[in-house]
């Protein structure tokens, strides 16, 4: 089972793939230039790790608080991936991310920390 974590609410755009006991991370500056190529950054990361977008079963997305444009773009992409793959879409808040340890987000015992209501992202100014 392949899990994709997308975190673009803060200063970096972070993509994390967690599959079985392996994990891969890609970090990019959260800038206006990278908004336009957000999907390309993700696809390049997946291609480099030889992972097909169709193999992603669960998508985790940071709902904020954070940067408005980054959250909107990442949320749109996460929804599209989970819709096309008929997978699960799970939201989390920045405060749920302790010491940037993304692996703890997919731990079943931590499910109570995850917010599945993806209608209300939190933006900061």
PDB file of N, CA and C in Angstrom:
ATOM      1  N   UNK A   1       0.838  -1.166   0.000  1.00  0.00           N
ATOM      2  CA  UNK A   1       0.000   0.000   0.000  1.00  0.00           C
ATOM      3  C   UNK A   1       0.892   1.242   0.000  1.00  0.00           C
ATOM      4  N   UNK A   2       0.623   2.145  -0.920  1.00  0.00           N
ATOM      5  CA  UNK A   2       1.430   3.361  -1.043  1.00  0.00           C
ATOM      6  C   UNK A   2       0.651   4.551  -0.502  1.00  0.00           C
ATOM      7  N   UNK A   3       1.285   5.270   0.411  1.00  0.00           N
ATOM      8  CA  UNK A   3       0.714   6.474   1.012  1.00  0.00           C
ATOM      9  C   UNK A   3       1.474   7.685   0.491  1.00  0.00           C
ATOM     10  N   UNK A   4       0.747   8.714   0.114  1.00  0.00           N
ATOM     11  CA  UNK A   4       1.342   9.975  -0.312  1.00  0.00           C
ATOM     12  C   UNK A   4       0.931  11.046   0.678  1.00  0.00           C
ATOM     13  N   UNK A   5       1.920  11.781   1.174  1.00  0.00           N
ATOM     14  CA  UNK A   5       1.658  12.911   2.060  1.00  0.00           C
ATOM     15  C   UNK A   5       2.077  14.173   1.324  1.00  0.00           C
ATOM     16  N   UNK A   6       1.157  15.140   1.270  1.00  0.00           N
ATOM     17  CA  UNK A   6       1.443  16.424   0.636  1.00  0.00           C
ATOM     18  C   UNK A   6       1.306  17.505   1.709  1.00  0.00           C
ATOM     19  N   UNK A   7       2.381  18.240   1.924  1.00  0.00           N
ATOM     20  CA  UNK A   7       2.386  19.311   2.916  1.00  0.00           C
ATOM     21  C   UNK A   7       2.937  20.572   2.262  1.00  0.00           C
ATOM     22  N   UNK A   8       2.041  21.492   1.936  1.00  0.00           N
ATOM     23  CA  UNK A   8       2.476  22.742   1.313  1.00  0.00           C
ATOM     24  C   UNK A   8       1.966  23.942   2.098  1.00  0.00           C
ATOM     25  N   UNK A   9       1.616  23.738   3.351  1.00  0.00           N
ATOM     26  CA  UNK A   9       1.039  24.810   4.151  1.00  0.00           C
ATOM     27  C   UNK A   9       2.091  25.776   4.693  1.00  0.00           C
ATOM     28  N   UNK A  10       3.327  25.354   4.739  1.00  0.00           N
ATOM     29  CA  UNK A  10       4.350  26.173   5.387  1.00  0.00           C
ATOM     30  C   UNK A  10       5.409  26.657   4.400  1.00  0.00           C
ATOM     31  N   UNK A  11       6.627  26.794   4.841  1.00  0.00           N
ATOM     32  CA  UNK A  11       7.694  27.379   4.025  1.00  0.00           C
ATOM     33  C   UNK A  11       8.202  26.467   2.922  1.00  0.00           C
ATOM     34  N   UNK A  12       7.931  25.167   3.033  1.00  0.00           N
ATOM     35  CA  UNK A  12       8.371  24.210   2.027  1.00  0.00           C
ATOM     36  C   UNK A  12       7.179  23.446   1.468  1.00  0.00           C
ATOM     37  N   UNK A  13       7.345  22.986   0.240  1.00  0.00           N
ATOM     38  CA  UNK A  13       6.421  22.011  -0.329  1.00  0.00           C
ATOM     39  C   UNK A  13       7.093  20.663  -0.090  1.00  0.00           C
ATOM     40  N   UNK A  14       6.413  19.799   0.636  1.00  0.00           N
ATOM     41  CA  UNK A  14       6.994  18.505   0.985  1.00  0.00           C
ATOM     42  C   UNK A  14       6.098  17.400   0.449  1.00  0.00           C
ATOM     43  N   UNK A  15       6.707  16.477  -0.302  1.00  0.00           N
ATOM     44  CA  UNK A  15       6.031  15.269  -0.753  1.00  0.00           C
ATOM     45  C   UNK A  15       6.703  14.100  -0.058  1.00  0.00           C
ATOM     46  N   UNK A  16       5.905  13.228   0.536  1.00  0.00           N
ATOM     47  CA  UNK A  16       6.447  12.046   1.204  1.00  0.00           C
ATOM     48  C   UNK A  16       5.697  10.831   0.687  1.00  0.00           C
ATOM     49  N   UNK A  17       6.441   9.825   0.287  1.00  0.00           N
ATOM     50  CA  UNK A  17       5.869   8.534  -0.092  1.00  0.00           C
ATOM     51  C   UNK A  17       6.262   7.551   1.000  1.00  0.00           C
ATOM     52  N   UNK A  18       5.285   6.857   1.527  1.00  0.00           N
ATOM     53  CA  UNK A  18       5.557   5.809   2.506  1.00  0.00           C
ATOM     54  C   UNK A  18       4.898   4.540   1.977  1.00  0.00           C
ATOM     55  N   UNK A  19       5.731   3.564   1.666  1.00  0.00           N
ATOM     56  CA  UNK A  19       5.262   2.288   1.141  1.00  0.00           C
ATOM     57  C   UNK A  19       5.956   1.173   1.899  1.00  0.00           C
ATOM     58  N   UNK A  20       5.162   0.355   2.561  1.00  0.00           N
ATOM     59  CA  UNK A  20       5.706  -0.720   3.388  1.00  0.00           C
ATOM     60  C   UNK A  20       6.700  -0.128   4.386  1.00  0.00           C
ATOM     61  N   UNK A  21       7.959  -0.520   4.310  1.00  0.00           N
ATOM     62  CA  UNK A  21       8.938  -0.015   5.271  1.00  0.00           C
ATOM     63  C   UNK A  21       9.860   1.026   4.650  1.00  0.00           C
ATOM     64  N   UNK A  22       9.548   1.461   3.436  1.00  0.00           N
ATOM     65  CA  UNK A  22      10.365   2.457   2.762  1.00  0.00           C
ATOM     66  C   UNK A  22       9.666   3.804   2.774  1.00  0.00           C
ATOM     67  N   UNK A  23      10.464   4.852   2.830  1.00  0.00           N
ATOM     68  CA  UNK A  23       9.894   6.193   2.708  1.00  0.00           C
ATOM     69  C   UNK A  23      10.844   7.072   1.901  1.00  0.00           C
ATOM     70  N   UNK A  24      10.242   7.960   1.125  1.00  0.00           N
ATOM     71  CA  UNK A  24      10.990   8.877   0.279  1.00  0.00           C
ATOM     72  C   UNK A  24      10.412  10.272   0.481  1.00  0.00           C
ATOM     73  N   UNK A  25      11.286  11.260   0.473  1.00  0.00           N
ATOM     74  CA  UNK A  25      10.853  12.636   0.699  1.00  0.00           C
ATOM     75  C   UNK A  25      11.454  13.550  -0.365  1.00  0.00           C
ATOM     76  N   UNK A  26      10.656  14.515  -0.787  1.00  0.00           N
ATOM     77  CA  UNK A  26      11.115  15.540  -1.713  1.00  0.00           C
ATOM     78  C   UNK A  26      10.672  16.894  -1.159  1.00  0.00           C
ATOM     79  N   UNK A  27      11.592  17.841  -1.100  1.00  0.00           N
ATOM     80  CA  UNK A  27      11.310  19.167  -0.550  1.00  0.00           C
ATOM     81  C   UNK A  27      11.625  20.242  -1.589  1.00  0.00           C
ATOM     82  N   UNK A  28      10.763  21.249  -1.618  1.00  0.00           N
ATOM     83  CA  UNK A  28      10.927  22.355  -2.549  1.00  0.00           C
ATOM     84  C   UNK A  28      10.546  23.653  -1.829  1.00  0.00           C
ATOM     85  N   UNK A  29      11.098  24.751  -2.287  1.00  0.00           N
ATOM     86  CA  UNK A  29      10.748  26.052  -1.729  1.00  0.00           C
ATOM     87  C   UNK A  29       9.287  26.340  -2.057  1.00  0.00           C
ATOM     88  N   UNK A  30       8.550  26.803  -1.076  1.00  0.00           N
ATOM     89  CA  UNK A  30       7.139  27.144  -1.276  1.00  0.00           C
ATOM     90  C   UNK A  30       7.087  28.567  -1.831  1.00  0.00           C
ATOM     91  N   UNK A  31       7.186  28.654  -3.159  1.00  0.00           N
ATOM     92  CA  UNK A  31       7.241  29.960  -3.815  1.00  0.00           C
ATOM     93  C   UNK A  31       6.215  30.042  -4.932  1.00  0.00           C
ATOM     94  N   UNK A  32       5.978  31.238  -5.376  1.00  0.00           N
ATOM     95  CA  UNK A  32       5.026  31.472  -6.473  1.00  0.00           C
ATOM     96  C   UNK A  32       5.435  30.711  -7.735  1.00  0.00           C
ATOM     97  N   UNK A  33       6.731  30.627  -8.008  1.00  0.00           N
ATOM     98  CA  UNK A  33       7.206  29.895  -9.185  1.00  0.00           C
ATOM     99  C   UNK A  33       6.847  28.417  -9.103  1.00  0.00           C
ATOM    100  N   UNK A  34       6.913  27.856  -7.912  1.00  0.00           N
ATOM    101  CA  UNK A  34       6.618  26.435  -7.754  1.00  0.00           C
ATOM    102  C   UNK A  34       5.116  26.135  -7.743  1.00  0.00           C
ATOM    103  N   UNK A  35       4.277  27.139  -7.535  1.00  0.00           N
ATOM    104  CA  UNK A  35       2.829  26.920  -7.616  1.00  0.00           C
ATOM    105  C   UNK A  35       2.454  26.448  -9.014  1.00  0.00           C
ATOM    106  N   UNK A  36       3.060  27.108 -10.034  1.00  0.00           N
ATOM    107  CA  UNK A  36       2.742  26.785 -11.423  1.00  0.00           C
ATOM    108  C   UNK A  36       3.196  25.383 -11.809  1.00  0.00           C
ATOM    109  N   UNK A  37       4.256  24.913 -11.190  1.00  0.00           N
ATOM    110  CA  UNK A  37       4.768  23.589 -11.553  1.00  0.00           C
ATOM    111  C   UNK A  37       4.577  22.561 -10.435  1.00  0.00           C
ATOM    112  N   UNK A  38       3.590  22.796  -9.583  1.00  0.00           N
ATOM    113  CA  UNK A  38       3.334  21.927  -8.434  1.00  0.00           C
ATOM    114  C   UNK A  38       3.148  20.470  -8.861  1.00  0.00           C
ATOM    115  N   UNK A  39       2.274  20.240  -9.842  1.00  0.00           N
ATOM    116  CA  UNK A  39       1.999  18.876 -10.297  1.00  0.00           C
ATOM    117  C   UNK A  39       3.230  18.265 -10.949  1.00  0.00           C
ATOM    118  N   UNK A  40       3.992  19.064 -11.686  1.00  0.00           N
ATOM    119  CA  UNK A  40       5.226  18.552 -12.288  1.00  0.00           C
ATOM    120  C   UNK A  40       6.247  18.153 -11.234  1.00  0.00           C
ATOM    121  N   UNK A  41       6.337  18.925 -10.154  1.00  0.00           N
ATOM    122  CA  UNK A  41       7.247  18.570  -9.064  1.00  0.00           C
ATOM    123  C   UNK A  41       6.860  17.207  -8.476  1.00  0.00           C
ATOM    124  N   UNK A  42       5.560  17.006  -8.289  1.00  0.00           N
ATOM    125  CA  UNK A  42       5.086  15.736  -7.742  1.00  0.00           C
ATOM    126  C   UNK A  42       5.342  14.588  -8.715  1.00  0.00           C
ATOM    127  N   UNK A  43       5.005  14.779  -9.984  1.00  0.00           N
ATOM    128  CA  UNK A  43       5.203  13.712 -10.970  1.00  0.00           C
ATOM    129  C   UNK A  43       6.682  13.364 -11.149  1.00  0.00           C
ATOM    130  N   UNK A  44       7.548  14.368 -11.136  1.00  0.00           N
ATOM    131  CA  UNK A  44       8.993  14.102 -11.237  1.00  0.00           C
ATOM    132  C   UNK A  44       9.482  13.286 -10.051  1.00  0.00           C
ATOM    133  N   UNK A  45       8.992  13.621  -8.865  1.00  0.00           N
ATOM    134  CA  UNK A  45       9.353  12.871  -7.659  1.00  0.00           C
ATOM    135  C   UNK A  45       8.901  11.416  -7.767  1.00  0.00           C
ATOM    136  N   UNK A  46       7.648  11.206  -8.186  1.00  0.00           N
ATOM    137  CA  UNK A  46       7.124   9.844  -8.328  1.00  0.00           C
ATOM    138  C   UNK A  46       7.893   9.065  -9.393  1.00  0.00           C
ATOM    139  N   UNK A  47       8.171   9.694 -10.522  1.00  0.00           N
ATOM    140  CA  UNK A  47       8.919   9.031 -11.594  1.00  0.00           C
ATOM    141  C   UNK A  47      10.323   8.647 -11.153  1.00  0.00           C
ATOM    142  N   UNK A  48      10.967   9.531 -10.402  1.00  0.00           N
ATOM    143  CA  UNK A  48      12.320   9.258  -9.919  1.00  0.00           C
ATOM    144  C   UNK A  48      12.332   8.021  -9.006  1.00  0.00           C
ATOM    145  N   UNK A  49      11.256   7.834  -8.263  1.00  0.00           N
ATOM    146  CA  UNK A  49      11.162   6.685  -7.346  1.00  0.00           C
ATOM    147  C   UNK A  49      10.447   5.490  -7.979  1.00  0.00           C
ATOM    148  N   UNK A  50      10.135   5.612  -9.283  1.00  0.00           N
ATOM    149  CA  UNK A  50       9.471   4.548 -10.046  1.00  0.00           C
ATOM    150  C   UNK A  50       8.134   4.140  -9.431  1.00  0.00           C
ATOM    151  N   UNK A  51       7.364   5.148  -9.060  1.00  0.00           N
ATOM    152  CA  UNK A  51       6.033   4.931  -8.498  1.00  0.00           C
ATOM    153  C   UNK A  51       5.017   5.551  -9.442  1.00  0.00           C
ATOM    154  N   UNK A  52       3.998   4.782  -9.777  1.00  0.00           N
ATOM    155  CA  UNK A  52       2.938   5.285 -10.648  1.00  0.00           C
ATOM    156  C   UNK A  52       1.868   5.949  -9.796  1.00  0.00           C
ATOM    157  N   UNK A  53       1.332   7.035 -10.302  1.00  0.00           N
ATOM    158  CA  UNK A  53       0.307   7.773  -9.564  1.00  0.00           C
ATOM    159  C   UNK A  53      -0.920   6.896  -9.306  1.00  0.00           C
ATOM    160  N   UNK A  54      -1.171   5.929 -10.183  1.00  0.00           N
ATOM    161  CA  UNK A  54      -2.312   5.020 -10.018  1.00  0.00           C
ATOM    162  C   UNK A  54      -2.133   4.057  -8.849  1.00  0.00           C
ATOM    163  N   UNK A  55      -0.905   3.900  -8.360  1.00  0.00           N
ATOM    164  CA  UNK A  55      -0.638   2.971  -7.263  1.00  0.00           C
ATOM    165  C   UNK A  55      -0.823   3.604  -5.887  1.00  0.00           C
ATOM    166  N   UNK A  56      -1.116   4.900  -5.855  1.00  0.00           N
ATOM    167  CA  UNK A  56      -1.282   5.589  -4.571  1.00  0.00           C
ATOM    168  C   UNK A  56      -2.662   5.269  -4.025  1.00  0.00           C
ATOM    169  N   UNK A  57      -2.680   4.684  -2.823  1.00  0.00           N
ATOM    170  CA  UNK A  57      -3.938   4.251  -2.222  1.00  0.00           C
ATOM    171  C   UNK A  57      -4.517   5.302  -1.280  1.00  0.00           C
ATOM    172  N   UNK A  58      -3.643   5.932  -0.517  1.00  0.00           N
ATOM    173  CA  UNK A  58      -4.098   6.883   0.491  1.00  0.00           C
ATOM    174  C   UNK A  58      -3.310   8.179   0.352  1.00  0.00           C
ATOM    175  N   UNK A  59      -4.035   9.316   0.381  1.00  0.00           N
ATOM    176  CA  UNK A  59      -3.399  10.630   0.272  1.00  0.00           C
ATOM    177  C   UNK A  59      -3.691  11.413   1.545  1.00  0.00           C
ATOM    178  N   UNK A  60      -2.639  11.912   2.173  1.00  0.00           N
ATOM    179  CA  UNK A  60      -2.749  12.761   3.355  1.00  0.00           C
ATOM    180  C   UNK A  60      -2.408  14.179   2.931  1.00  0.00           C
ATOM    181  N   UNK A  61      -3.205  15.133   3.394  1.00  0.00           N
ATOM    182  CA  UNK A  61      -3.007  16.514   2.978  1.00  0.00           C
ATOM    183  C   UNK A  61      -3.043  17.454   4.183  1.00  0.00           C
ATOM    184  N   UNK A  62      -2.081  18.363   4.253  1.00  0.00           N
ATOM    185  CA  UNK A  62      -2.037  19.344   5.337  1.00  0.00           C
ATOM    186  C   UNK A  62      -3.053  20.438   5.033  1.00  0.00           C
ATOM    187  N   UNK A  63      -4.012  20.610   5.940  1.00  0.00           N
ATOM    188  CA  UNK A  63      -5.078  21.596   5.771  1.00  0.00           C
ATOM    189  C   UNK A  63      -4.768  22.932   6.432  1.00  0.00           C
ATOM    190  N   UNK A  64      -3.614  23.046   7.038  1.00  0.00           N
ATOM    191  CA  UNK A  64      -3.231  24.328   7.615  1.00  0.00           C
ATOM    192  C   UNK A  64      -3.209  24.299   9.130  1.00  0.00           C
ATOM    193  N   UNK A  65      -3.080  25.436   9.730  1.00  0.00           N
ATOM    194  CA  UNK A  65      -3.026  26.750   9.104  1.00  0.00           C
ATOM    195  C   UNK A  65      -1.775  26.904   8.246  1.00  0.00           C
ATOM    196  N   UNK A  66      -1.924  27.757   7.249  1.00  0.00           N
ATOM    197  CA  UNK A  66      -0.812  27.960   6.338  1.00  0.00           C
ATOM    198  C   UNK A  66      -1.157  28.888   5.203  1.00  0.00           C
ATOM    199  N   UNK A  67      -0.348  28.825   4.158  1.00  0.00           N
ATOM    200  CA  UNK A  67      -0.470  29.718   3.010  1.00  0.00           C
ATOM    201  C   UNK A  67      -1.666  29.337   2.139  1.00  0.00           C
ATOM    202  N   UNK A  68      -2.482  30.331   1.835  1.00  0.00           N
ATOM    203  CA  UNK A  68      -3.729  30.121   1.103  1.00  0.00           C
ATOM    204  C   UNK A  68      -3.519  29.400  -0.225  1.00  0.00           C
ATOM    205  N   UNK A  69      -2.700  29.956  -1.096  1.00  0.00           N
ATOM    206  CA  UNK A  69      -2.535  29.390  -2.438  1.00  0.00           C
ATOM    207  C   UNK A  69      -1.955  27.986  -2.384  1.00  0.00           C
ATOM    208  N   UNK A  70      -0.986  27.778  -1.534  1.00  0.00           N
ATOM    209  CA  UNK A  70      -0.366  26.454  -1.415  1.00  0.00           C
ATOM    210  C   UNK A  70      -1.364  25.403  -0.966  1.00  0.00           C
ATOM    211  N   UNK A  71      -2.169  25.746   0.011  1.00  0.00           N
ATOM    212  CA  UNK A  71      -3.165  24.788   0.512  1.00  0.00           C
ATOM    213  C   UNK A  71      -4.199  24.491  -0.561  1.00  0.00           C
ATOM    214  N   UNK A  72      -4.667  25.517  -1.263  1.00  0.00           N
ATOM    215  CA  UNK A  72      -5.676  25.312  -2.315  1.00  0.00           C
ATOM    216  C   UNK A  72      -5.136  24.427  -3.440  1.00  0.00           C
ATOM    217  N   UNK A  73      -3.923  24.667  -3.879  1.00  0.00           N
ATOM    218  CA  UNK A  73      -3.338  23.862  -4.959  1.00  0.00           C
ATOM    219  C   UNK A  73      -3.129  22.430  -4.498  1.00  0.00           C
ATOM    220  N   UNK A  74      -2.534  22.255  -3.327  1.00  0.00           N
ATOM    221  CA  UNK A  74      -2.262  20.896  -2.852  1.00  0.00           C
ATOM    222  C   UNK A  74      -3.555  20.134  -2.574  1.00  0.00           C
ATOM    223  N   UNK A  75      -4.568  20.809  -2.076  1.00  0.00           N
ATOM    224  CA  UNK A  75      -5.861  20.170  -1.812  1.00  0.00           C
ATOM    225  C   UNK A  75      -6.523  19.721  -3.114  1.00  0.00           C
ATOM    226  N   UNK A  76      -6.449  20.546  -4.143  1.00  0.00           N
ATOM    227  CA  UNK A  76      -7.015  20.182  -5.442  1.00  0.00           C
ATOM    228  C   UNK A  76      -6.336  18.940  -6.017  1.00  0.00           C
ATOM    229  N   UNK A  77      -5.028  18.908  -5.945  1.00  0.00           N
ATOM    230  CA  UNK A  77      -4.275  17.764  -6.463  1.00  0.00           C
ATOM    231  C   UNK A  77      -4.560  16.514  -5.643  1.00  0.00           C
ATOM    232  N   UNK A  78      -4.605  16.649  -4.318  1.00  0.00           N
ATOM    233  CA  UNK A  78      -4.881  15.494  -3.456  1.00  0.00           C
ATOM    234  C   UNK A  78      -6.271  14.925  -3.736  1.00  0.00           C
ATOM    235  N   UNK A  79      -7.263  15.811  -3.893  1.00  0.00           N
ATOM    236  CA  UNK A  79      -8.621  15.357  -4.203  1.00  0.00           C
ATOM    237  C   UNK A  79      -8.662  14.633  -5.534  1.00  0.00           C
ATOM    238  N   UNK A  80      -7.978  15.166  -6.527  1.00  0.00           N
ATOM    239  CA  UNK A  80      -7.971  14.547  -7.859  1.00  0.00           C
ATOM    240  C   UNK A  80      -7.338  13.160  -7.816  1.00  0.00           C
ATOM    241  N   UNK A  81      -6.217  13.030  -7.144  1.00  0.00           N
ATOM    242  CA  UNK A  81      -5.543  11.732  -7.055  1.00  0.00           C
ATOM    243  C   UNK A  81      -6.420  10.715  -6.347  1.00  0.00           C
ATOM    244  N   UNK A  82      -6.999  11.101  -5.225  1.00  0.00           N
ATOM    245  CA  UNK A  82      -7.825  10.146  -4.469  1.00  0.00           C
ATOM    246  C   UNK A  82      -9.105   9.814  -5.230  1.00  0.00           C
ATOM    247  N   UNK A  83      -9.657  10.764  -5.972  1.00  0.00           N
ATOM    248  CA  UNK A  83     -10.872  10.508  -6.749  1.00  0.00           C
ATOM    249  C   UNK A  83     -10.599   9.529  -7.891  1.00  0.00           C
ATOM    250  N   UNK A  84      -9.554   9.793  -8.645  1.00  0.00           N
ATOM    251  CA  UNK A  84      -9.223   8.943  -9.792  1.00  0.00           C
ATOM    252  C   UNK A  84      -8.850   7.532  -9.345  1.00  0.00           C
ATOM    253  N   UNK A  85      -8.123   7.422  -8.248  1.00  0.00           N
ATOM    254  CA  UNK A  85      -7.676   6.116  -7.761  1.00  0.00           C
ATOM    255  C   UNK A  85      -8.695   5.424  -6.863  1.00  0.00           C
ATOM    256  N   UNK A  86      -9.816   6.107  -6.608  1.00  0.00           N
ATOM    257  CA  UNK A  86     -10.823   5.596  -5.668  1.00  0.00           C
ATOM    258  C   UNK A  86     -10.169   5.243  -4.335  1.00  0.00           C
ATOM    259  N   UNK A  87      -9.278   6.129  -3.924  1.00  0.00           N
ATOM    260  CA  UNK A  87      -8.547   5.929  -2.683  1.00  0.00           C
ATOM    261  C   UNK A  87      -9.115   6.760  -1.552  1.00  0.00           C
ATOM    262  N   UNK A  88      -8.383   6.804  -0.490  1.00  0.00           N
ATOM    263  CA  UNK A  88      -8.789   7.514   0.713  1.00  0.00           C
ATOM    264  C   UNK A  88      -8.046   8.841   0.792  1.00  0.00           C
ATOM    265  N   UNK A  89      -8.776   9.871   1.154  1.00  0.00           N
ATOM    266  CA  UNK A  89      -8.202  11.203   1.325  1.00  0.00           C
ATOM    267  C   UNK A  89      -8.343  11.592   2.788  1.00  0.00           C
ATOM    268  N   UNK A  90      -7.218  11.894   3.434  1.00  0.00           N
ATOM    269  CA  UNK A  90      -7.227  12.198   4.859  1.00  0.00           C
ATOM    270  C   UNK A  90      -6.526  13.535   5.081  1.00  0.00           C
ATOM    271  N   UNK A  91      -7.190  14.418   5.785  1.00  0.00           N
ATOM    272  CA  UNK A  91      -6.605  15.709   6.105  1.00  0.00           C
ATOM    273  C   UNK A  91      -5.984  15.717   7.491  1.00  0.00           C
ATOM    274  N   UNK A  92      -4.957  16.511   7.637  1.00  0.00           N
ATOM    275  CA  UNK A  92      -4.354  16.716   8.951  1.00  0.00           C
ATOM    276  C   UNK A  92      -4.027  18.185   9.102  1.00  0.00           C
ATOM    277  N   UNK A  93      -3.828  18.621  10.318  1.00  0.00           N
ATOM    278  CA  UNK A  93      -3.483  20.011  10.613  1.00  0.00           C
ATOM    279  C   UNK A  93      -1.993  20.123  10.886  1.00  0.00           C
ATOM    280  N   UNK A  94      -1.468  21.314  10.693  1.00  0.00           N
ATOM    281  CA  UNK A  94      -0.042  21.539  10.953  1.00  0.00           C
ATOM    282  C   UNK A  94       0.336  21.147  12.373  1.00  0.00           C
ATOM    283  N   UNK A  95      -0.566  21.372  13.313  1.00  0.00           N
ATOM    284  CA  UNK A  95      -0.259  21.037  14.716  1.00  0.00           C
ATOM    285  C   UNK A  95      -0.172  19.528  14.959  1.00  0.00           C
ATOM    286  N   UNK A  96      -0.772  18.712  14.061  1.00  0.00           N
ATOM    287  CA  UNK A  96      -0.681  17.261  14.184  1.00  0.00           C
ATOM    288  C   UNK A  96       0.690  16.733  13.810  1.00  0.00           C
ATOM    289  N   UNK A  97       1.462  17.549  13.133  1.00  0.00           N
ATOM    290  CA  UNK A  97       2.769  17.154  12.639  1.00  0.00           C
ATOM    291  C   UNK A  97       3.813  17.508  13.690  1.00  0.00           C
ATOM    292  N   UNK A  98       4.238  16.530  14.436  1.00  0.00           N
ATOM    293  CA  UNK A  98       5.177  16.754  15.535  1.00  0.00           C
ATOM    294  C   UNK A  98       6.594  16.532  15.025  1.00  0.00           C
ATOM    295  N   UNK A  99       7.414  17.557  15.109  1.00  0.00           N
ATOM    296  CA  UNK A  99       8.810  17.507  14.671  1.00  0.00           C
ATOM    297  C   UNK A  99       8.958  17.058  13.218  1.00  0.00           C
ATOM    298  N   UNK A 100       8.002  17.399  12.373  1.00  0.00           N
ATOM    299  CA  UNK A 100       8.008  17.043  10.957  1.00  0.00           C
ATOM    300  C   UNK A 100       8.175  15.538  10.740  1.00  0.00           C
ATOM    301  N   UNK A 101       7.622  14.745  11.640  1.00  0.00           N
ATOM    302  CA  UNK A 101       7.675  13.295  11.505  1.00  0.00           C
ATOM    303  C   UNK A 101       6.423  12.823  10.767  1.00  0.00           C
ATOM    304  N   UNK A 102       6.531  12.721   9.466  1.00  0.00           N
ATOM    305  CA  UNK A 102       5.390  12.373   8.625  1.00  0.00           C
ATOM    306  C   UNK A 102       4.977  10.908   8.796  1.00  0.00           C
ATOM    307  N   UNK A 103       5.907  10.055   9.175  1.00  0.00           N
ATOM    308  CA  UNK A 103       5.579   8.628   9.340  1.00  0.00           C
ATOM    309  C   UNK A 103       4.514   8.410  10.402  1.00  0.00           C
ATOM    310  N   UNK A 104       4.498   9.243  11.422  1.00  0.00           N
ATOM    311  CA  UNK A 104       3.515   9.075  12.498  1.00  0.00           C
ATOM    312  C   UNK A 104       2.093   9.374  12.035  1.00  0.00           C
ATOM    313  N   UNK A 105       1.939  10.093  10.932  1.00  0.00           N
ATOM    314  CA  UNK A 105       0.603  10.398  10.431  1.00  0.00           C
ATOM    315  C   UNK A 105      -0.126   9.158   9.950  1.00  0.00           C
ATOM    316  N   UNK A 106       0.602   8.194   9.419  1.00  0.00           N
ATOM    317  CA  UNK A 106      -0.067   7.013   8.872  1.00  0.00           C
ATOM    318  C   UNK A 106      -0.184   5.879   9.879  1.00  0.00           C
ATOM    319  N   UNK A 107       0.300   6.092  11.078  1.00  0.00           N
ATOM    320  CA  UNK A 107       0.187   5.093  12.132  1.00  0.00           C
ATOM    321  C   UNK A 107      -1.277   4.970  12.542  1.00  0.00           C
ATOM    322  N   UNK A 108      -1.858   3.759  12.430  1.00  0.00           N
ATOM    323  CA  UNK A 108      -3.287   3.592  12.767  1.00  0.00           C
ATOM    324  C   UNK A 108      -3.654   4.064  14.167  1.00  0.00           C
ATOM    325  N   UNK A 109      -2.737   3.984  15.101  1.00  0.00           N
ATOM    326  CA  UNK A 109      -3.051   4.414  16.467  1.00  0.00           C
ATOM    327  C   UNK A 109      -3.185   5.934  16.552  1.00  0.00           C
ATOM    328  N   UNK A 110      -2.695   6.641  15.549  1.00  0.00           N
ATOM    329  CA  UNK A 110      -2.763   8.106  15.541  1.00  0.00           C
ATOM    330  C   UNK A 110      -3.935   8.629  14.711  1.00  0.00           C
ATOM    331  N   UNK A 111      -4.813   7.754  14.243  1.00  0.00           N
ATOM    332  CA  UNK A 111      -5.920   8.177  13.377  1.00  0.00           C
ATOM    333  C   UNK A 111      -6.764   9.264  14.009  1.00  0.00           C
ATOM    334  N   UNK A 112      -6.874   9.261  15.329  1.00  0.00           N
ATOM    335  CA  UNK A 112      -7.716  10.274  15.976  1.00  0.00           C
ATOM    336  C   UNK A 112      -7.189  11.688  15.735  1.00  0.00           C
ATOM    337  N   UNK A 113      -5.916  11.814  15.392  1.00  0.00           N
ATOM    338  CA  UNK A 113      -5.344  13.135  15.126  1.00  0.00           C
ATOM    339  C   UNK A 113      -5.754  13.679  13.769  1.00  0.00           C
ATOM    340  N   UNK A 114      -6.195  12.802  12.891  1.00  0.00           N
ATOM    341  CA  UNK A 114      -6.473  13.217  11.527  1.00  0.00           C
ATOM    342  C   UNK A 114      -7.871  13.769  11.385  1.00  0.00           C
ATOM    343  N   UNK A 115      -7.975  14.816  10.607  1.00  0.00           N
ATOM    344  CA  UNK A 115      -9.244  15.484  10.372  1.00  0.00           C
ATOM    345  C   UNK A 115      -9.719  15.125   8.968  1.00  0.00           C
ATOM    346  N   UNK A 116     -10.803  14.369   8.864  1.00  0.00           N
ATOM    347  CA  UNK A 116     -11.286  13.946   7.556  1.00  0.00           C
ATOM    348  C   UNK A 116     -12.191  14.980   6.903  1.00  0.00           C
ATOM    349  N   UNK A 117     -12.541  16.033   7.591  1.00  0.00           N
ATOM    350  CA  UNK A 117     -13.391  17.071   7.014  1.00  0.00           C
ATOM    351  C   UNK A 117     -12.531  18.004   6.175  1.00  0.00           C
ATOM    352  N   UNK A 118     -12.569  17.815   4.866  1.00  0.00           N
ATOM    353  CA  UNK A 118     -11.704  18.584   3.984  1.00  0.00           C
ATOM    354  C   UNK A 118     -12.382  19.831   3.436  1.00  0.00           C
ATOM    355  N   UNK A 119     -13.478  20.227   4.023  1.00  0.00           N
ATOM    356  CA  UNK A 119     -14.207  21.386   3.540  1.00  0.00           C
ATOM    357  C   UNK A 119     -13.680  22.670   4.159  1.00  0.00           C
ATOM    358  N   UNK A 120     -13.036  22.592   5.291  1.00  0.00           N
ATOM    359  CA  UNK A 120     -12.650  23.787   6.036  1.00  0.00           C
ATOM    360  C   UNK A 120     -11.142  23.893   6.251  1.00  0.00           C
ATOM    361  N   UNK A 121     -10.358  24.147   5.205  1.00  0.00           N
ATOM    362  CA  UNK A 121      -8.936  24.379   5.449  1.00  0.00           C
ATOM    363  C   UNK A 121      -8.753  25.672   6.256  1.00  0.00           C
ATOM    364  N   UNK A 122      -7.644  25.780   6.936  1.00  0.00           N
ATOM    365  CA  UNK A 122      -7.370  26.950   7.771  1.00  0.00           C
ATOM    366  C   UNK A 122      -6.210  27.721   7.131  1.00  0.00           C
ATOM    367  N   UNK A 123      -6.456  28.955   6.808  1.00  0.00           N
ATOM    368  CA  UNK A 123      -5.434  29.791   6.175  1.00  0.00           C
ATOM    369  C   UNK A 123      -4.910  30.804   7.174  1.00  0.00           C
ATOM    370  N   UNK A 124      -3.647  31.126   7.037  1.00  0.00           N
ATOM    371  CA  UNK A 124      -3.080  32.177   7.873  1.00  0.00           C
ATOM    372  C   UNK A 124      -2.584  33.294   6.974  1.00  0.00           C
ATOM    373  N   UNK A 125      -2.489  34.466   7.536  1.00  0.00           N
ATOM    374  CA  UNK A 125      -2.063  35.609   6.719  1.00  0.00           C
ATOM    375  C   UNK A 125      -0.589  35.846   6.805  1.00  0.00           C
TER     376      UNK A 125
END
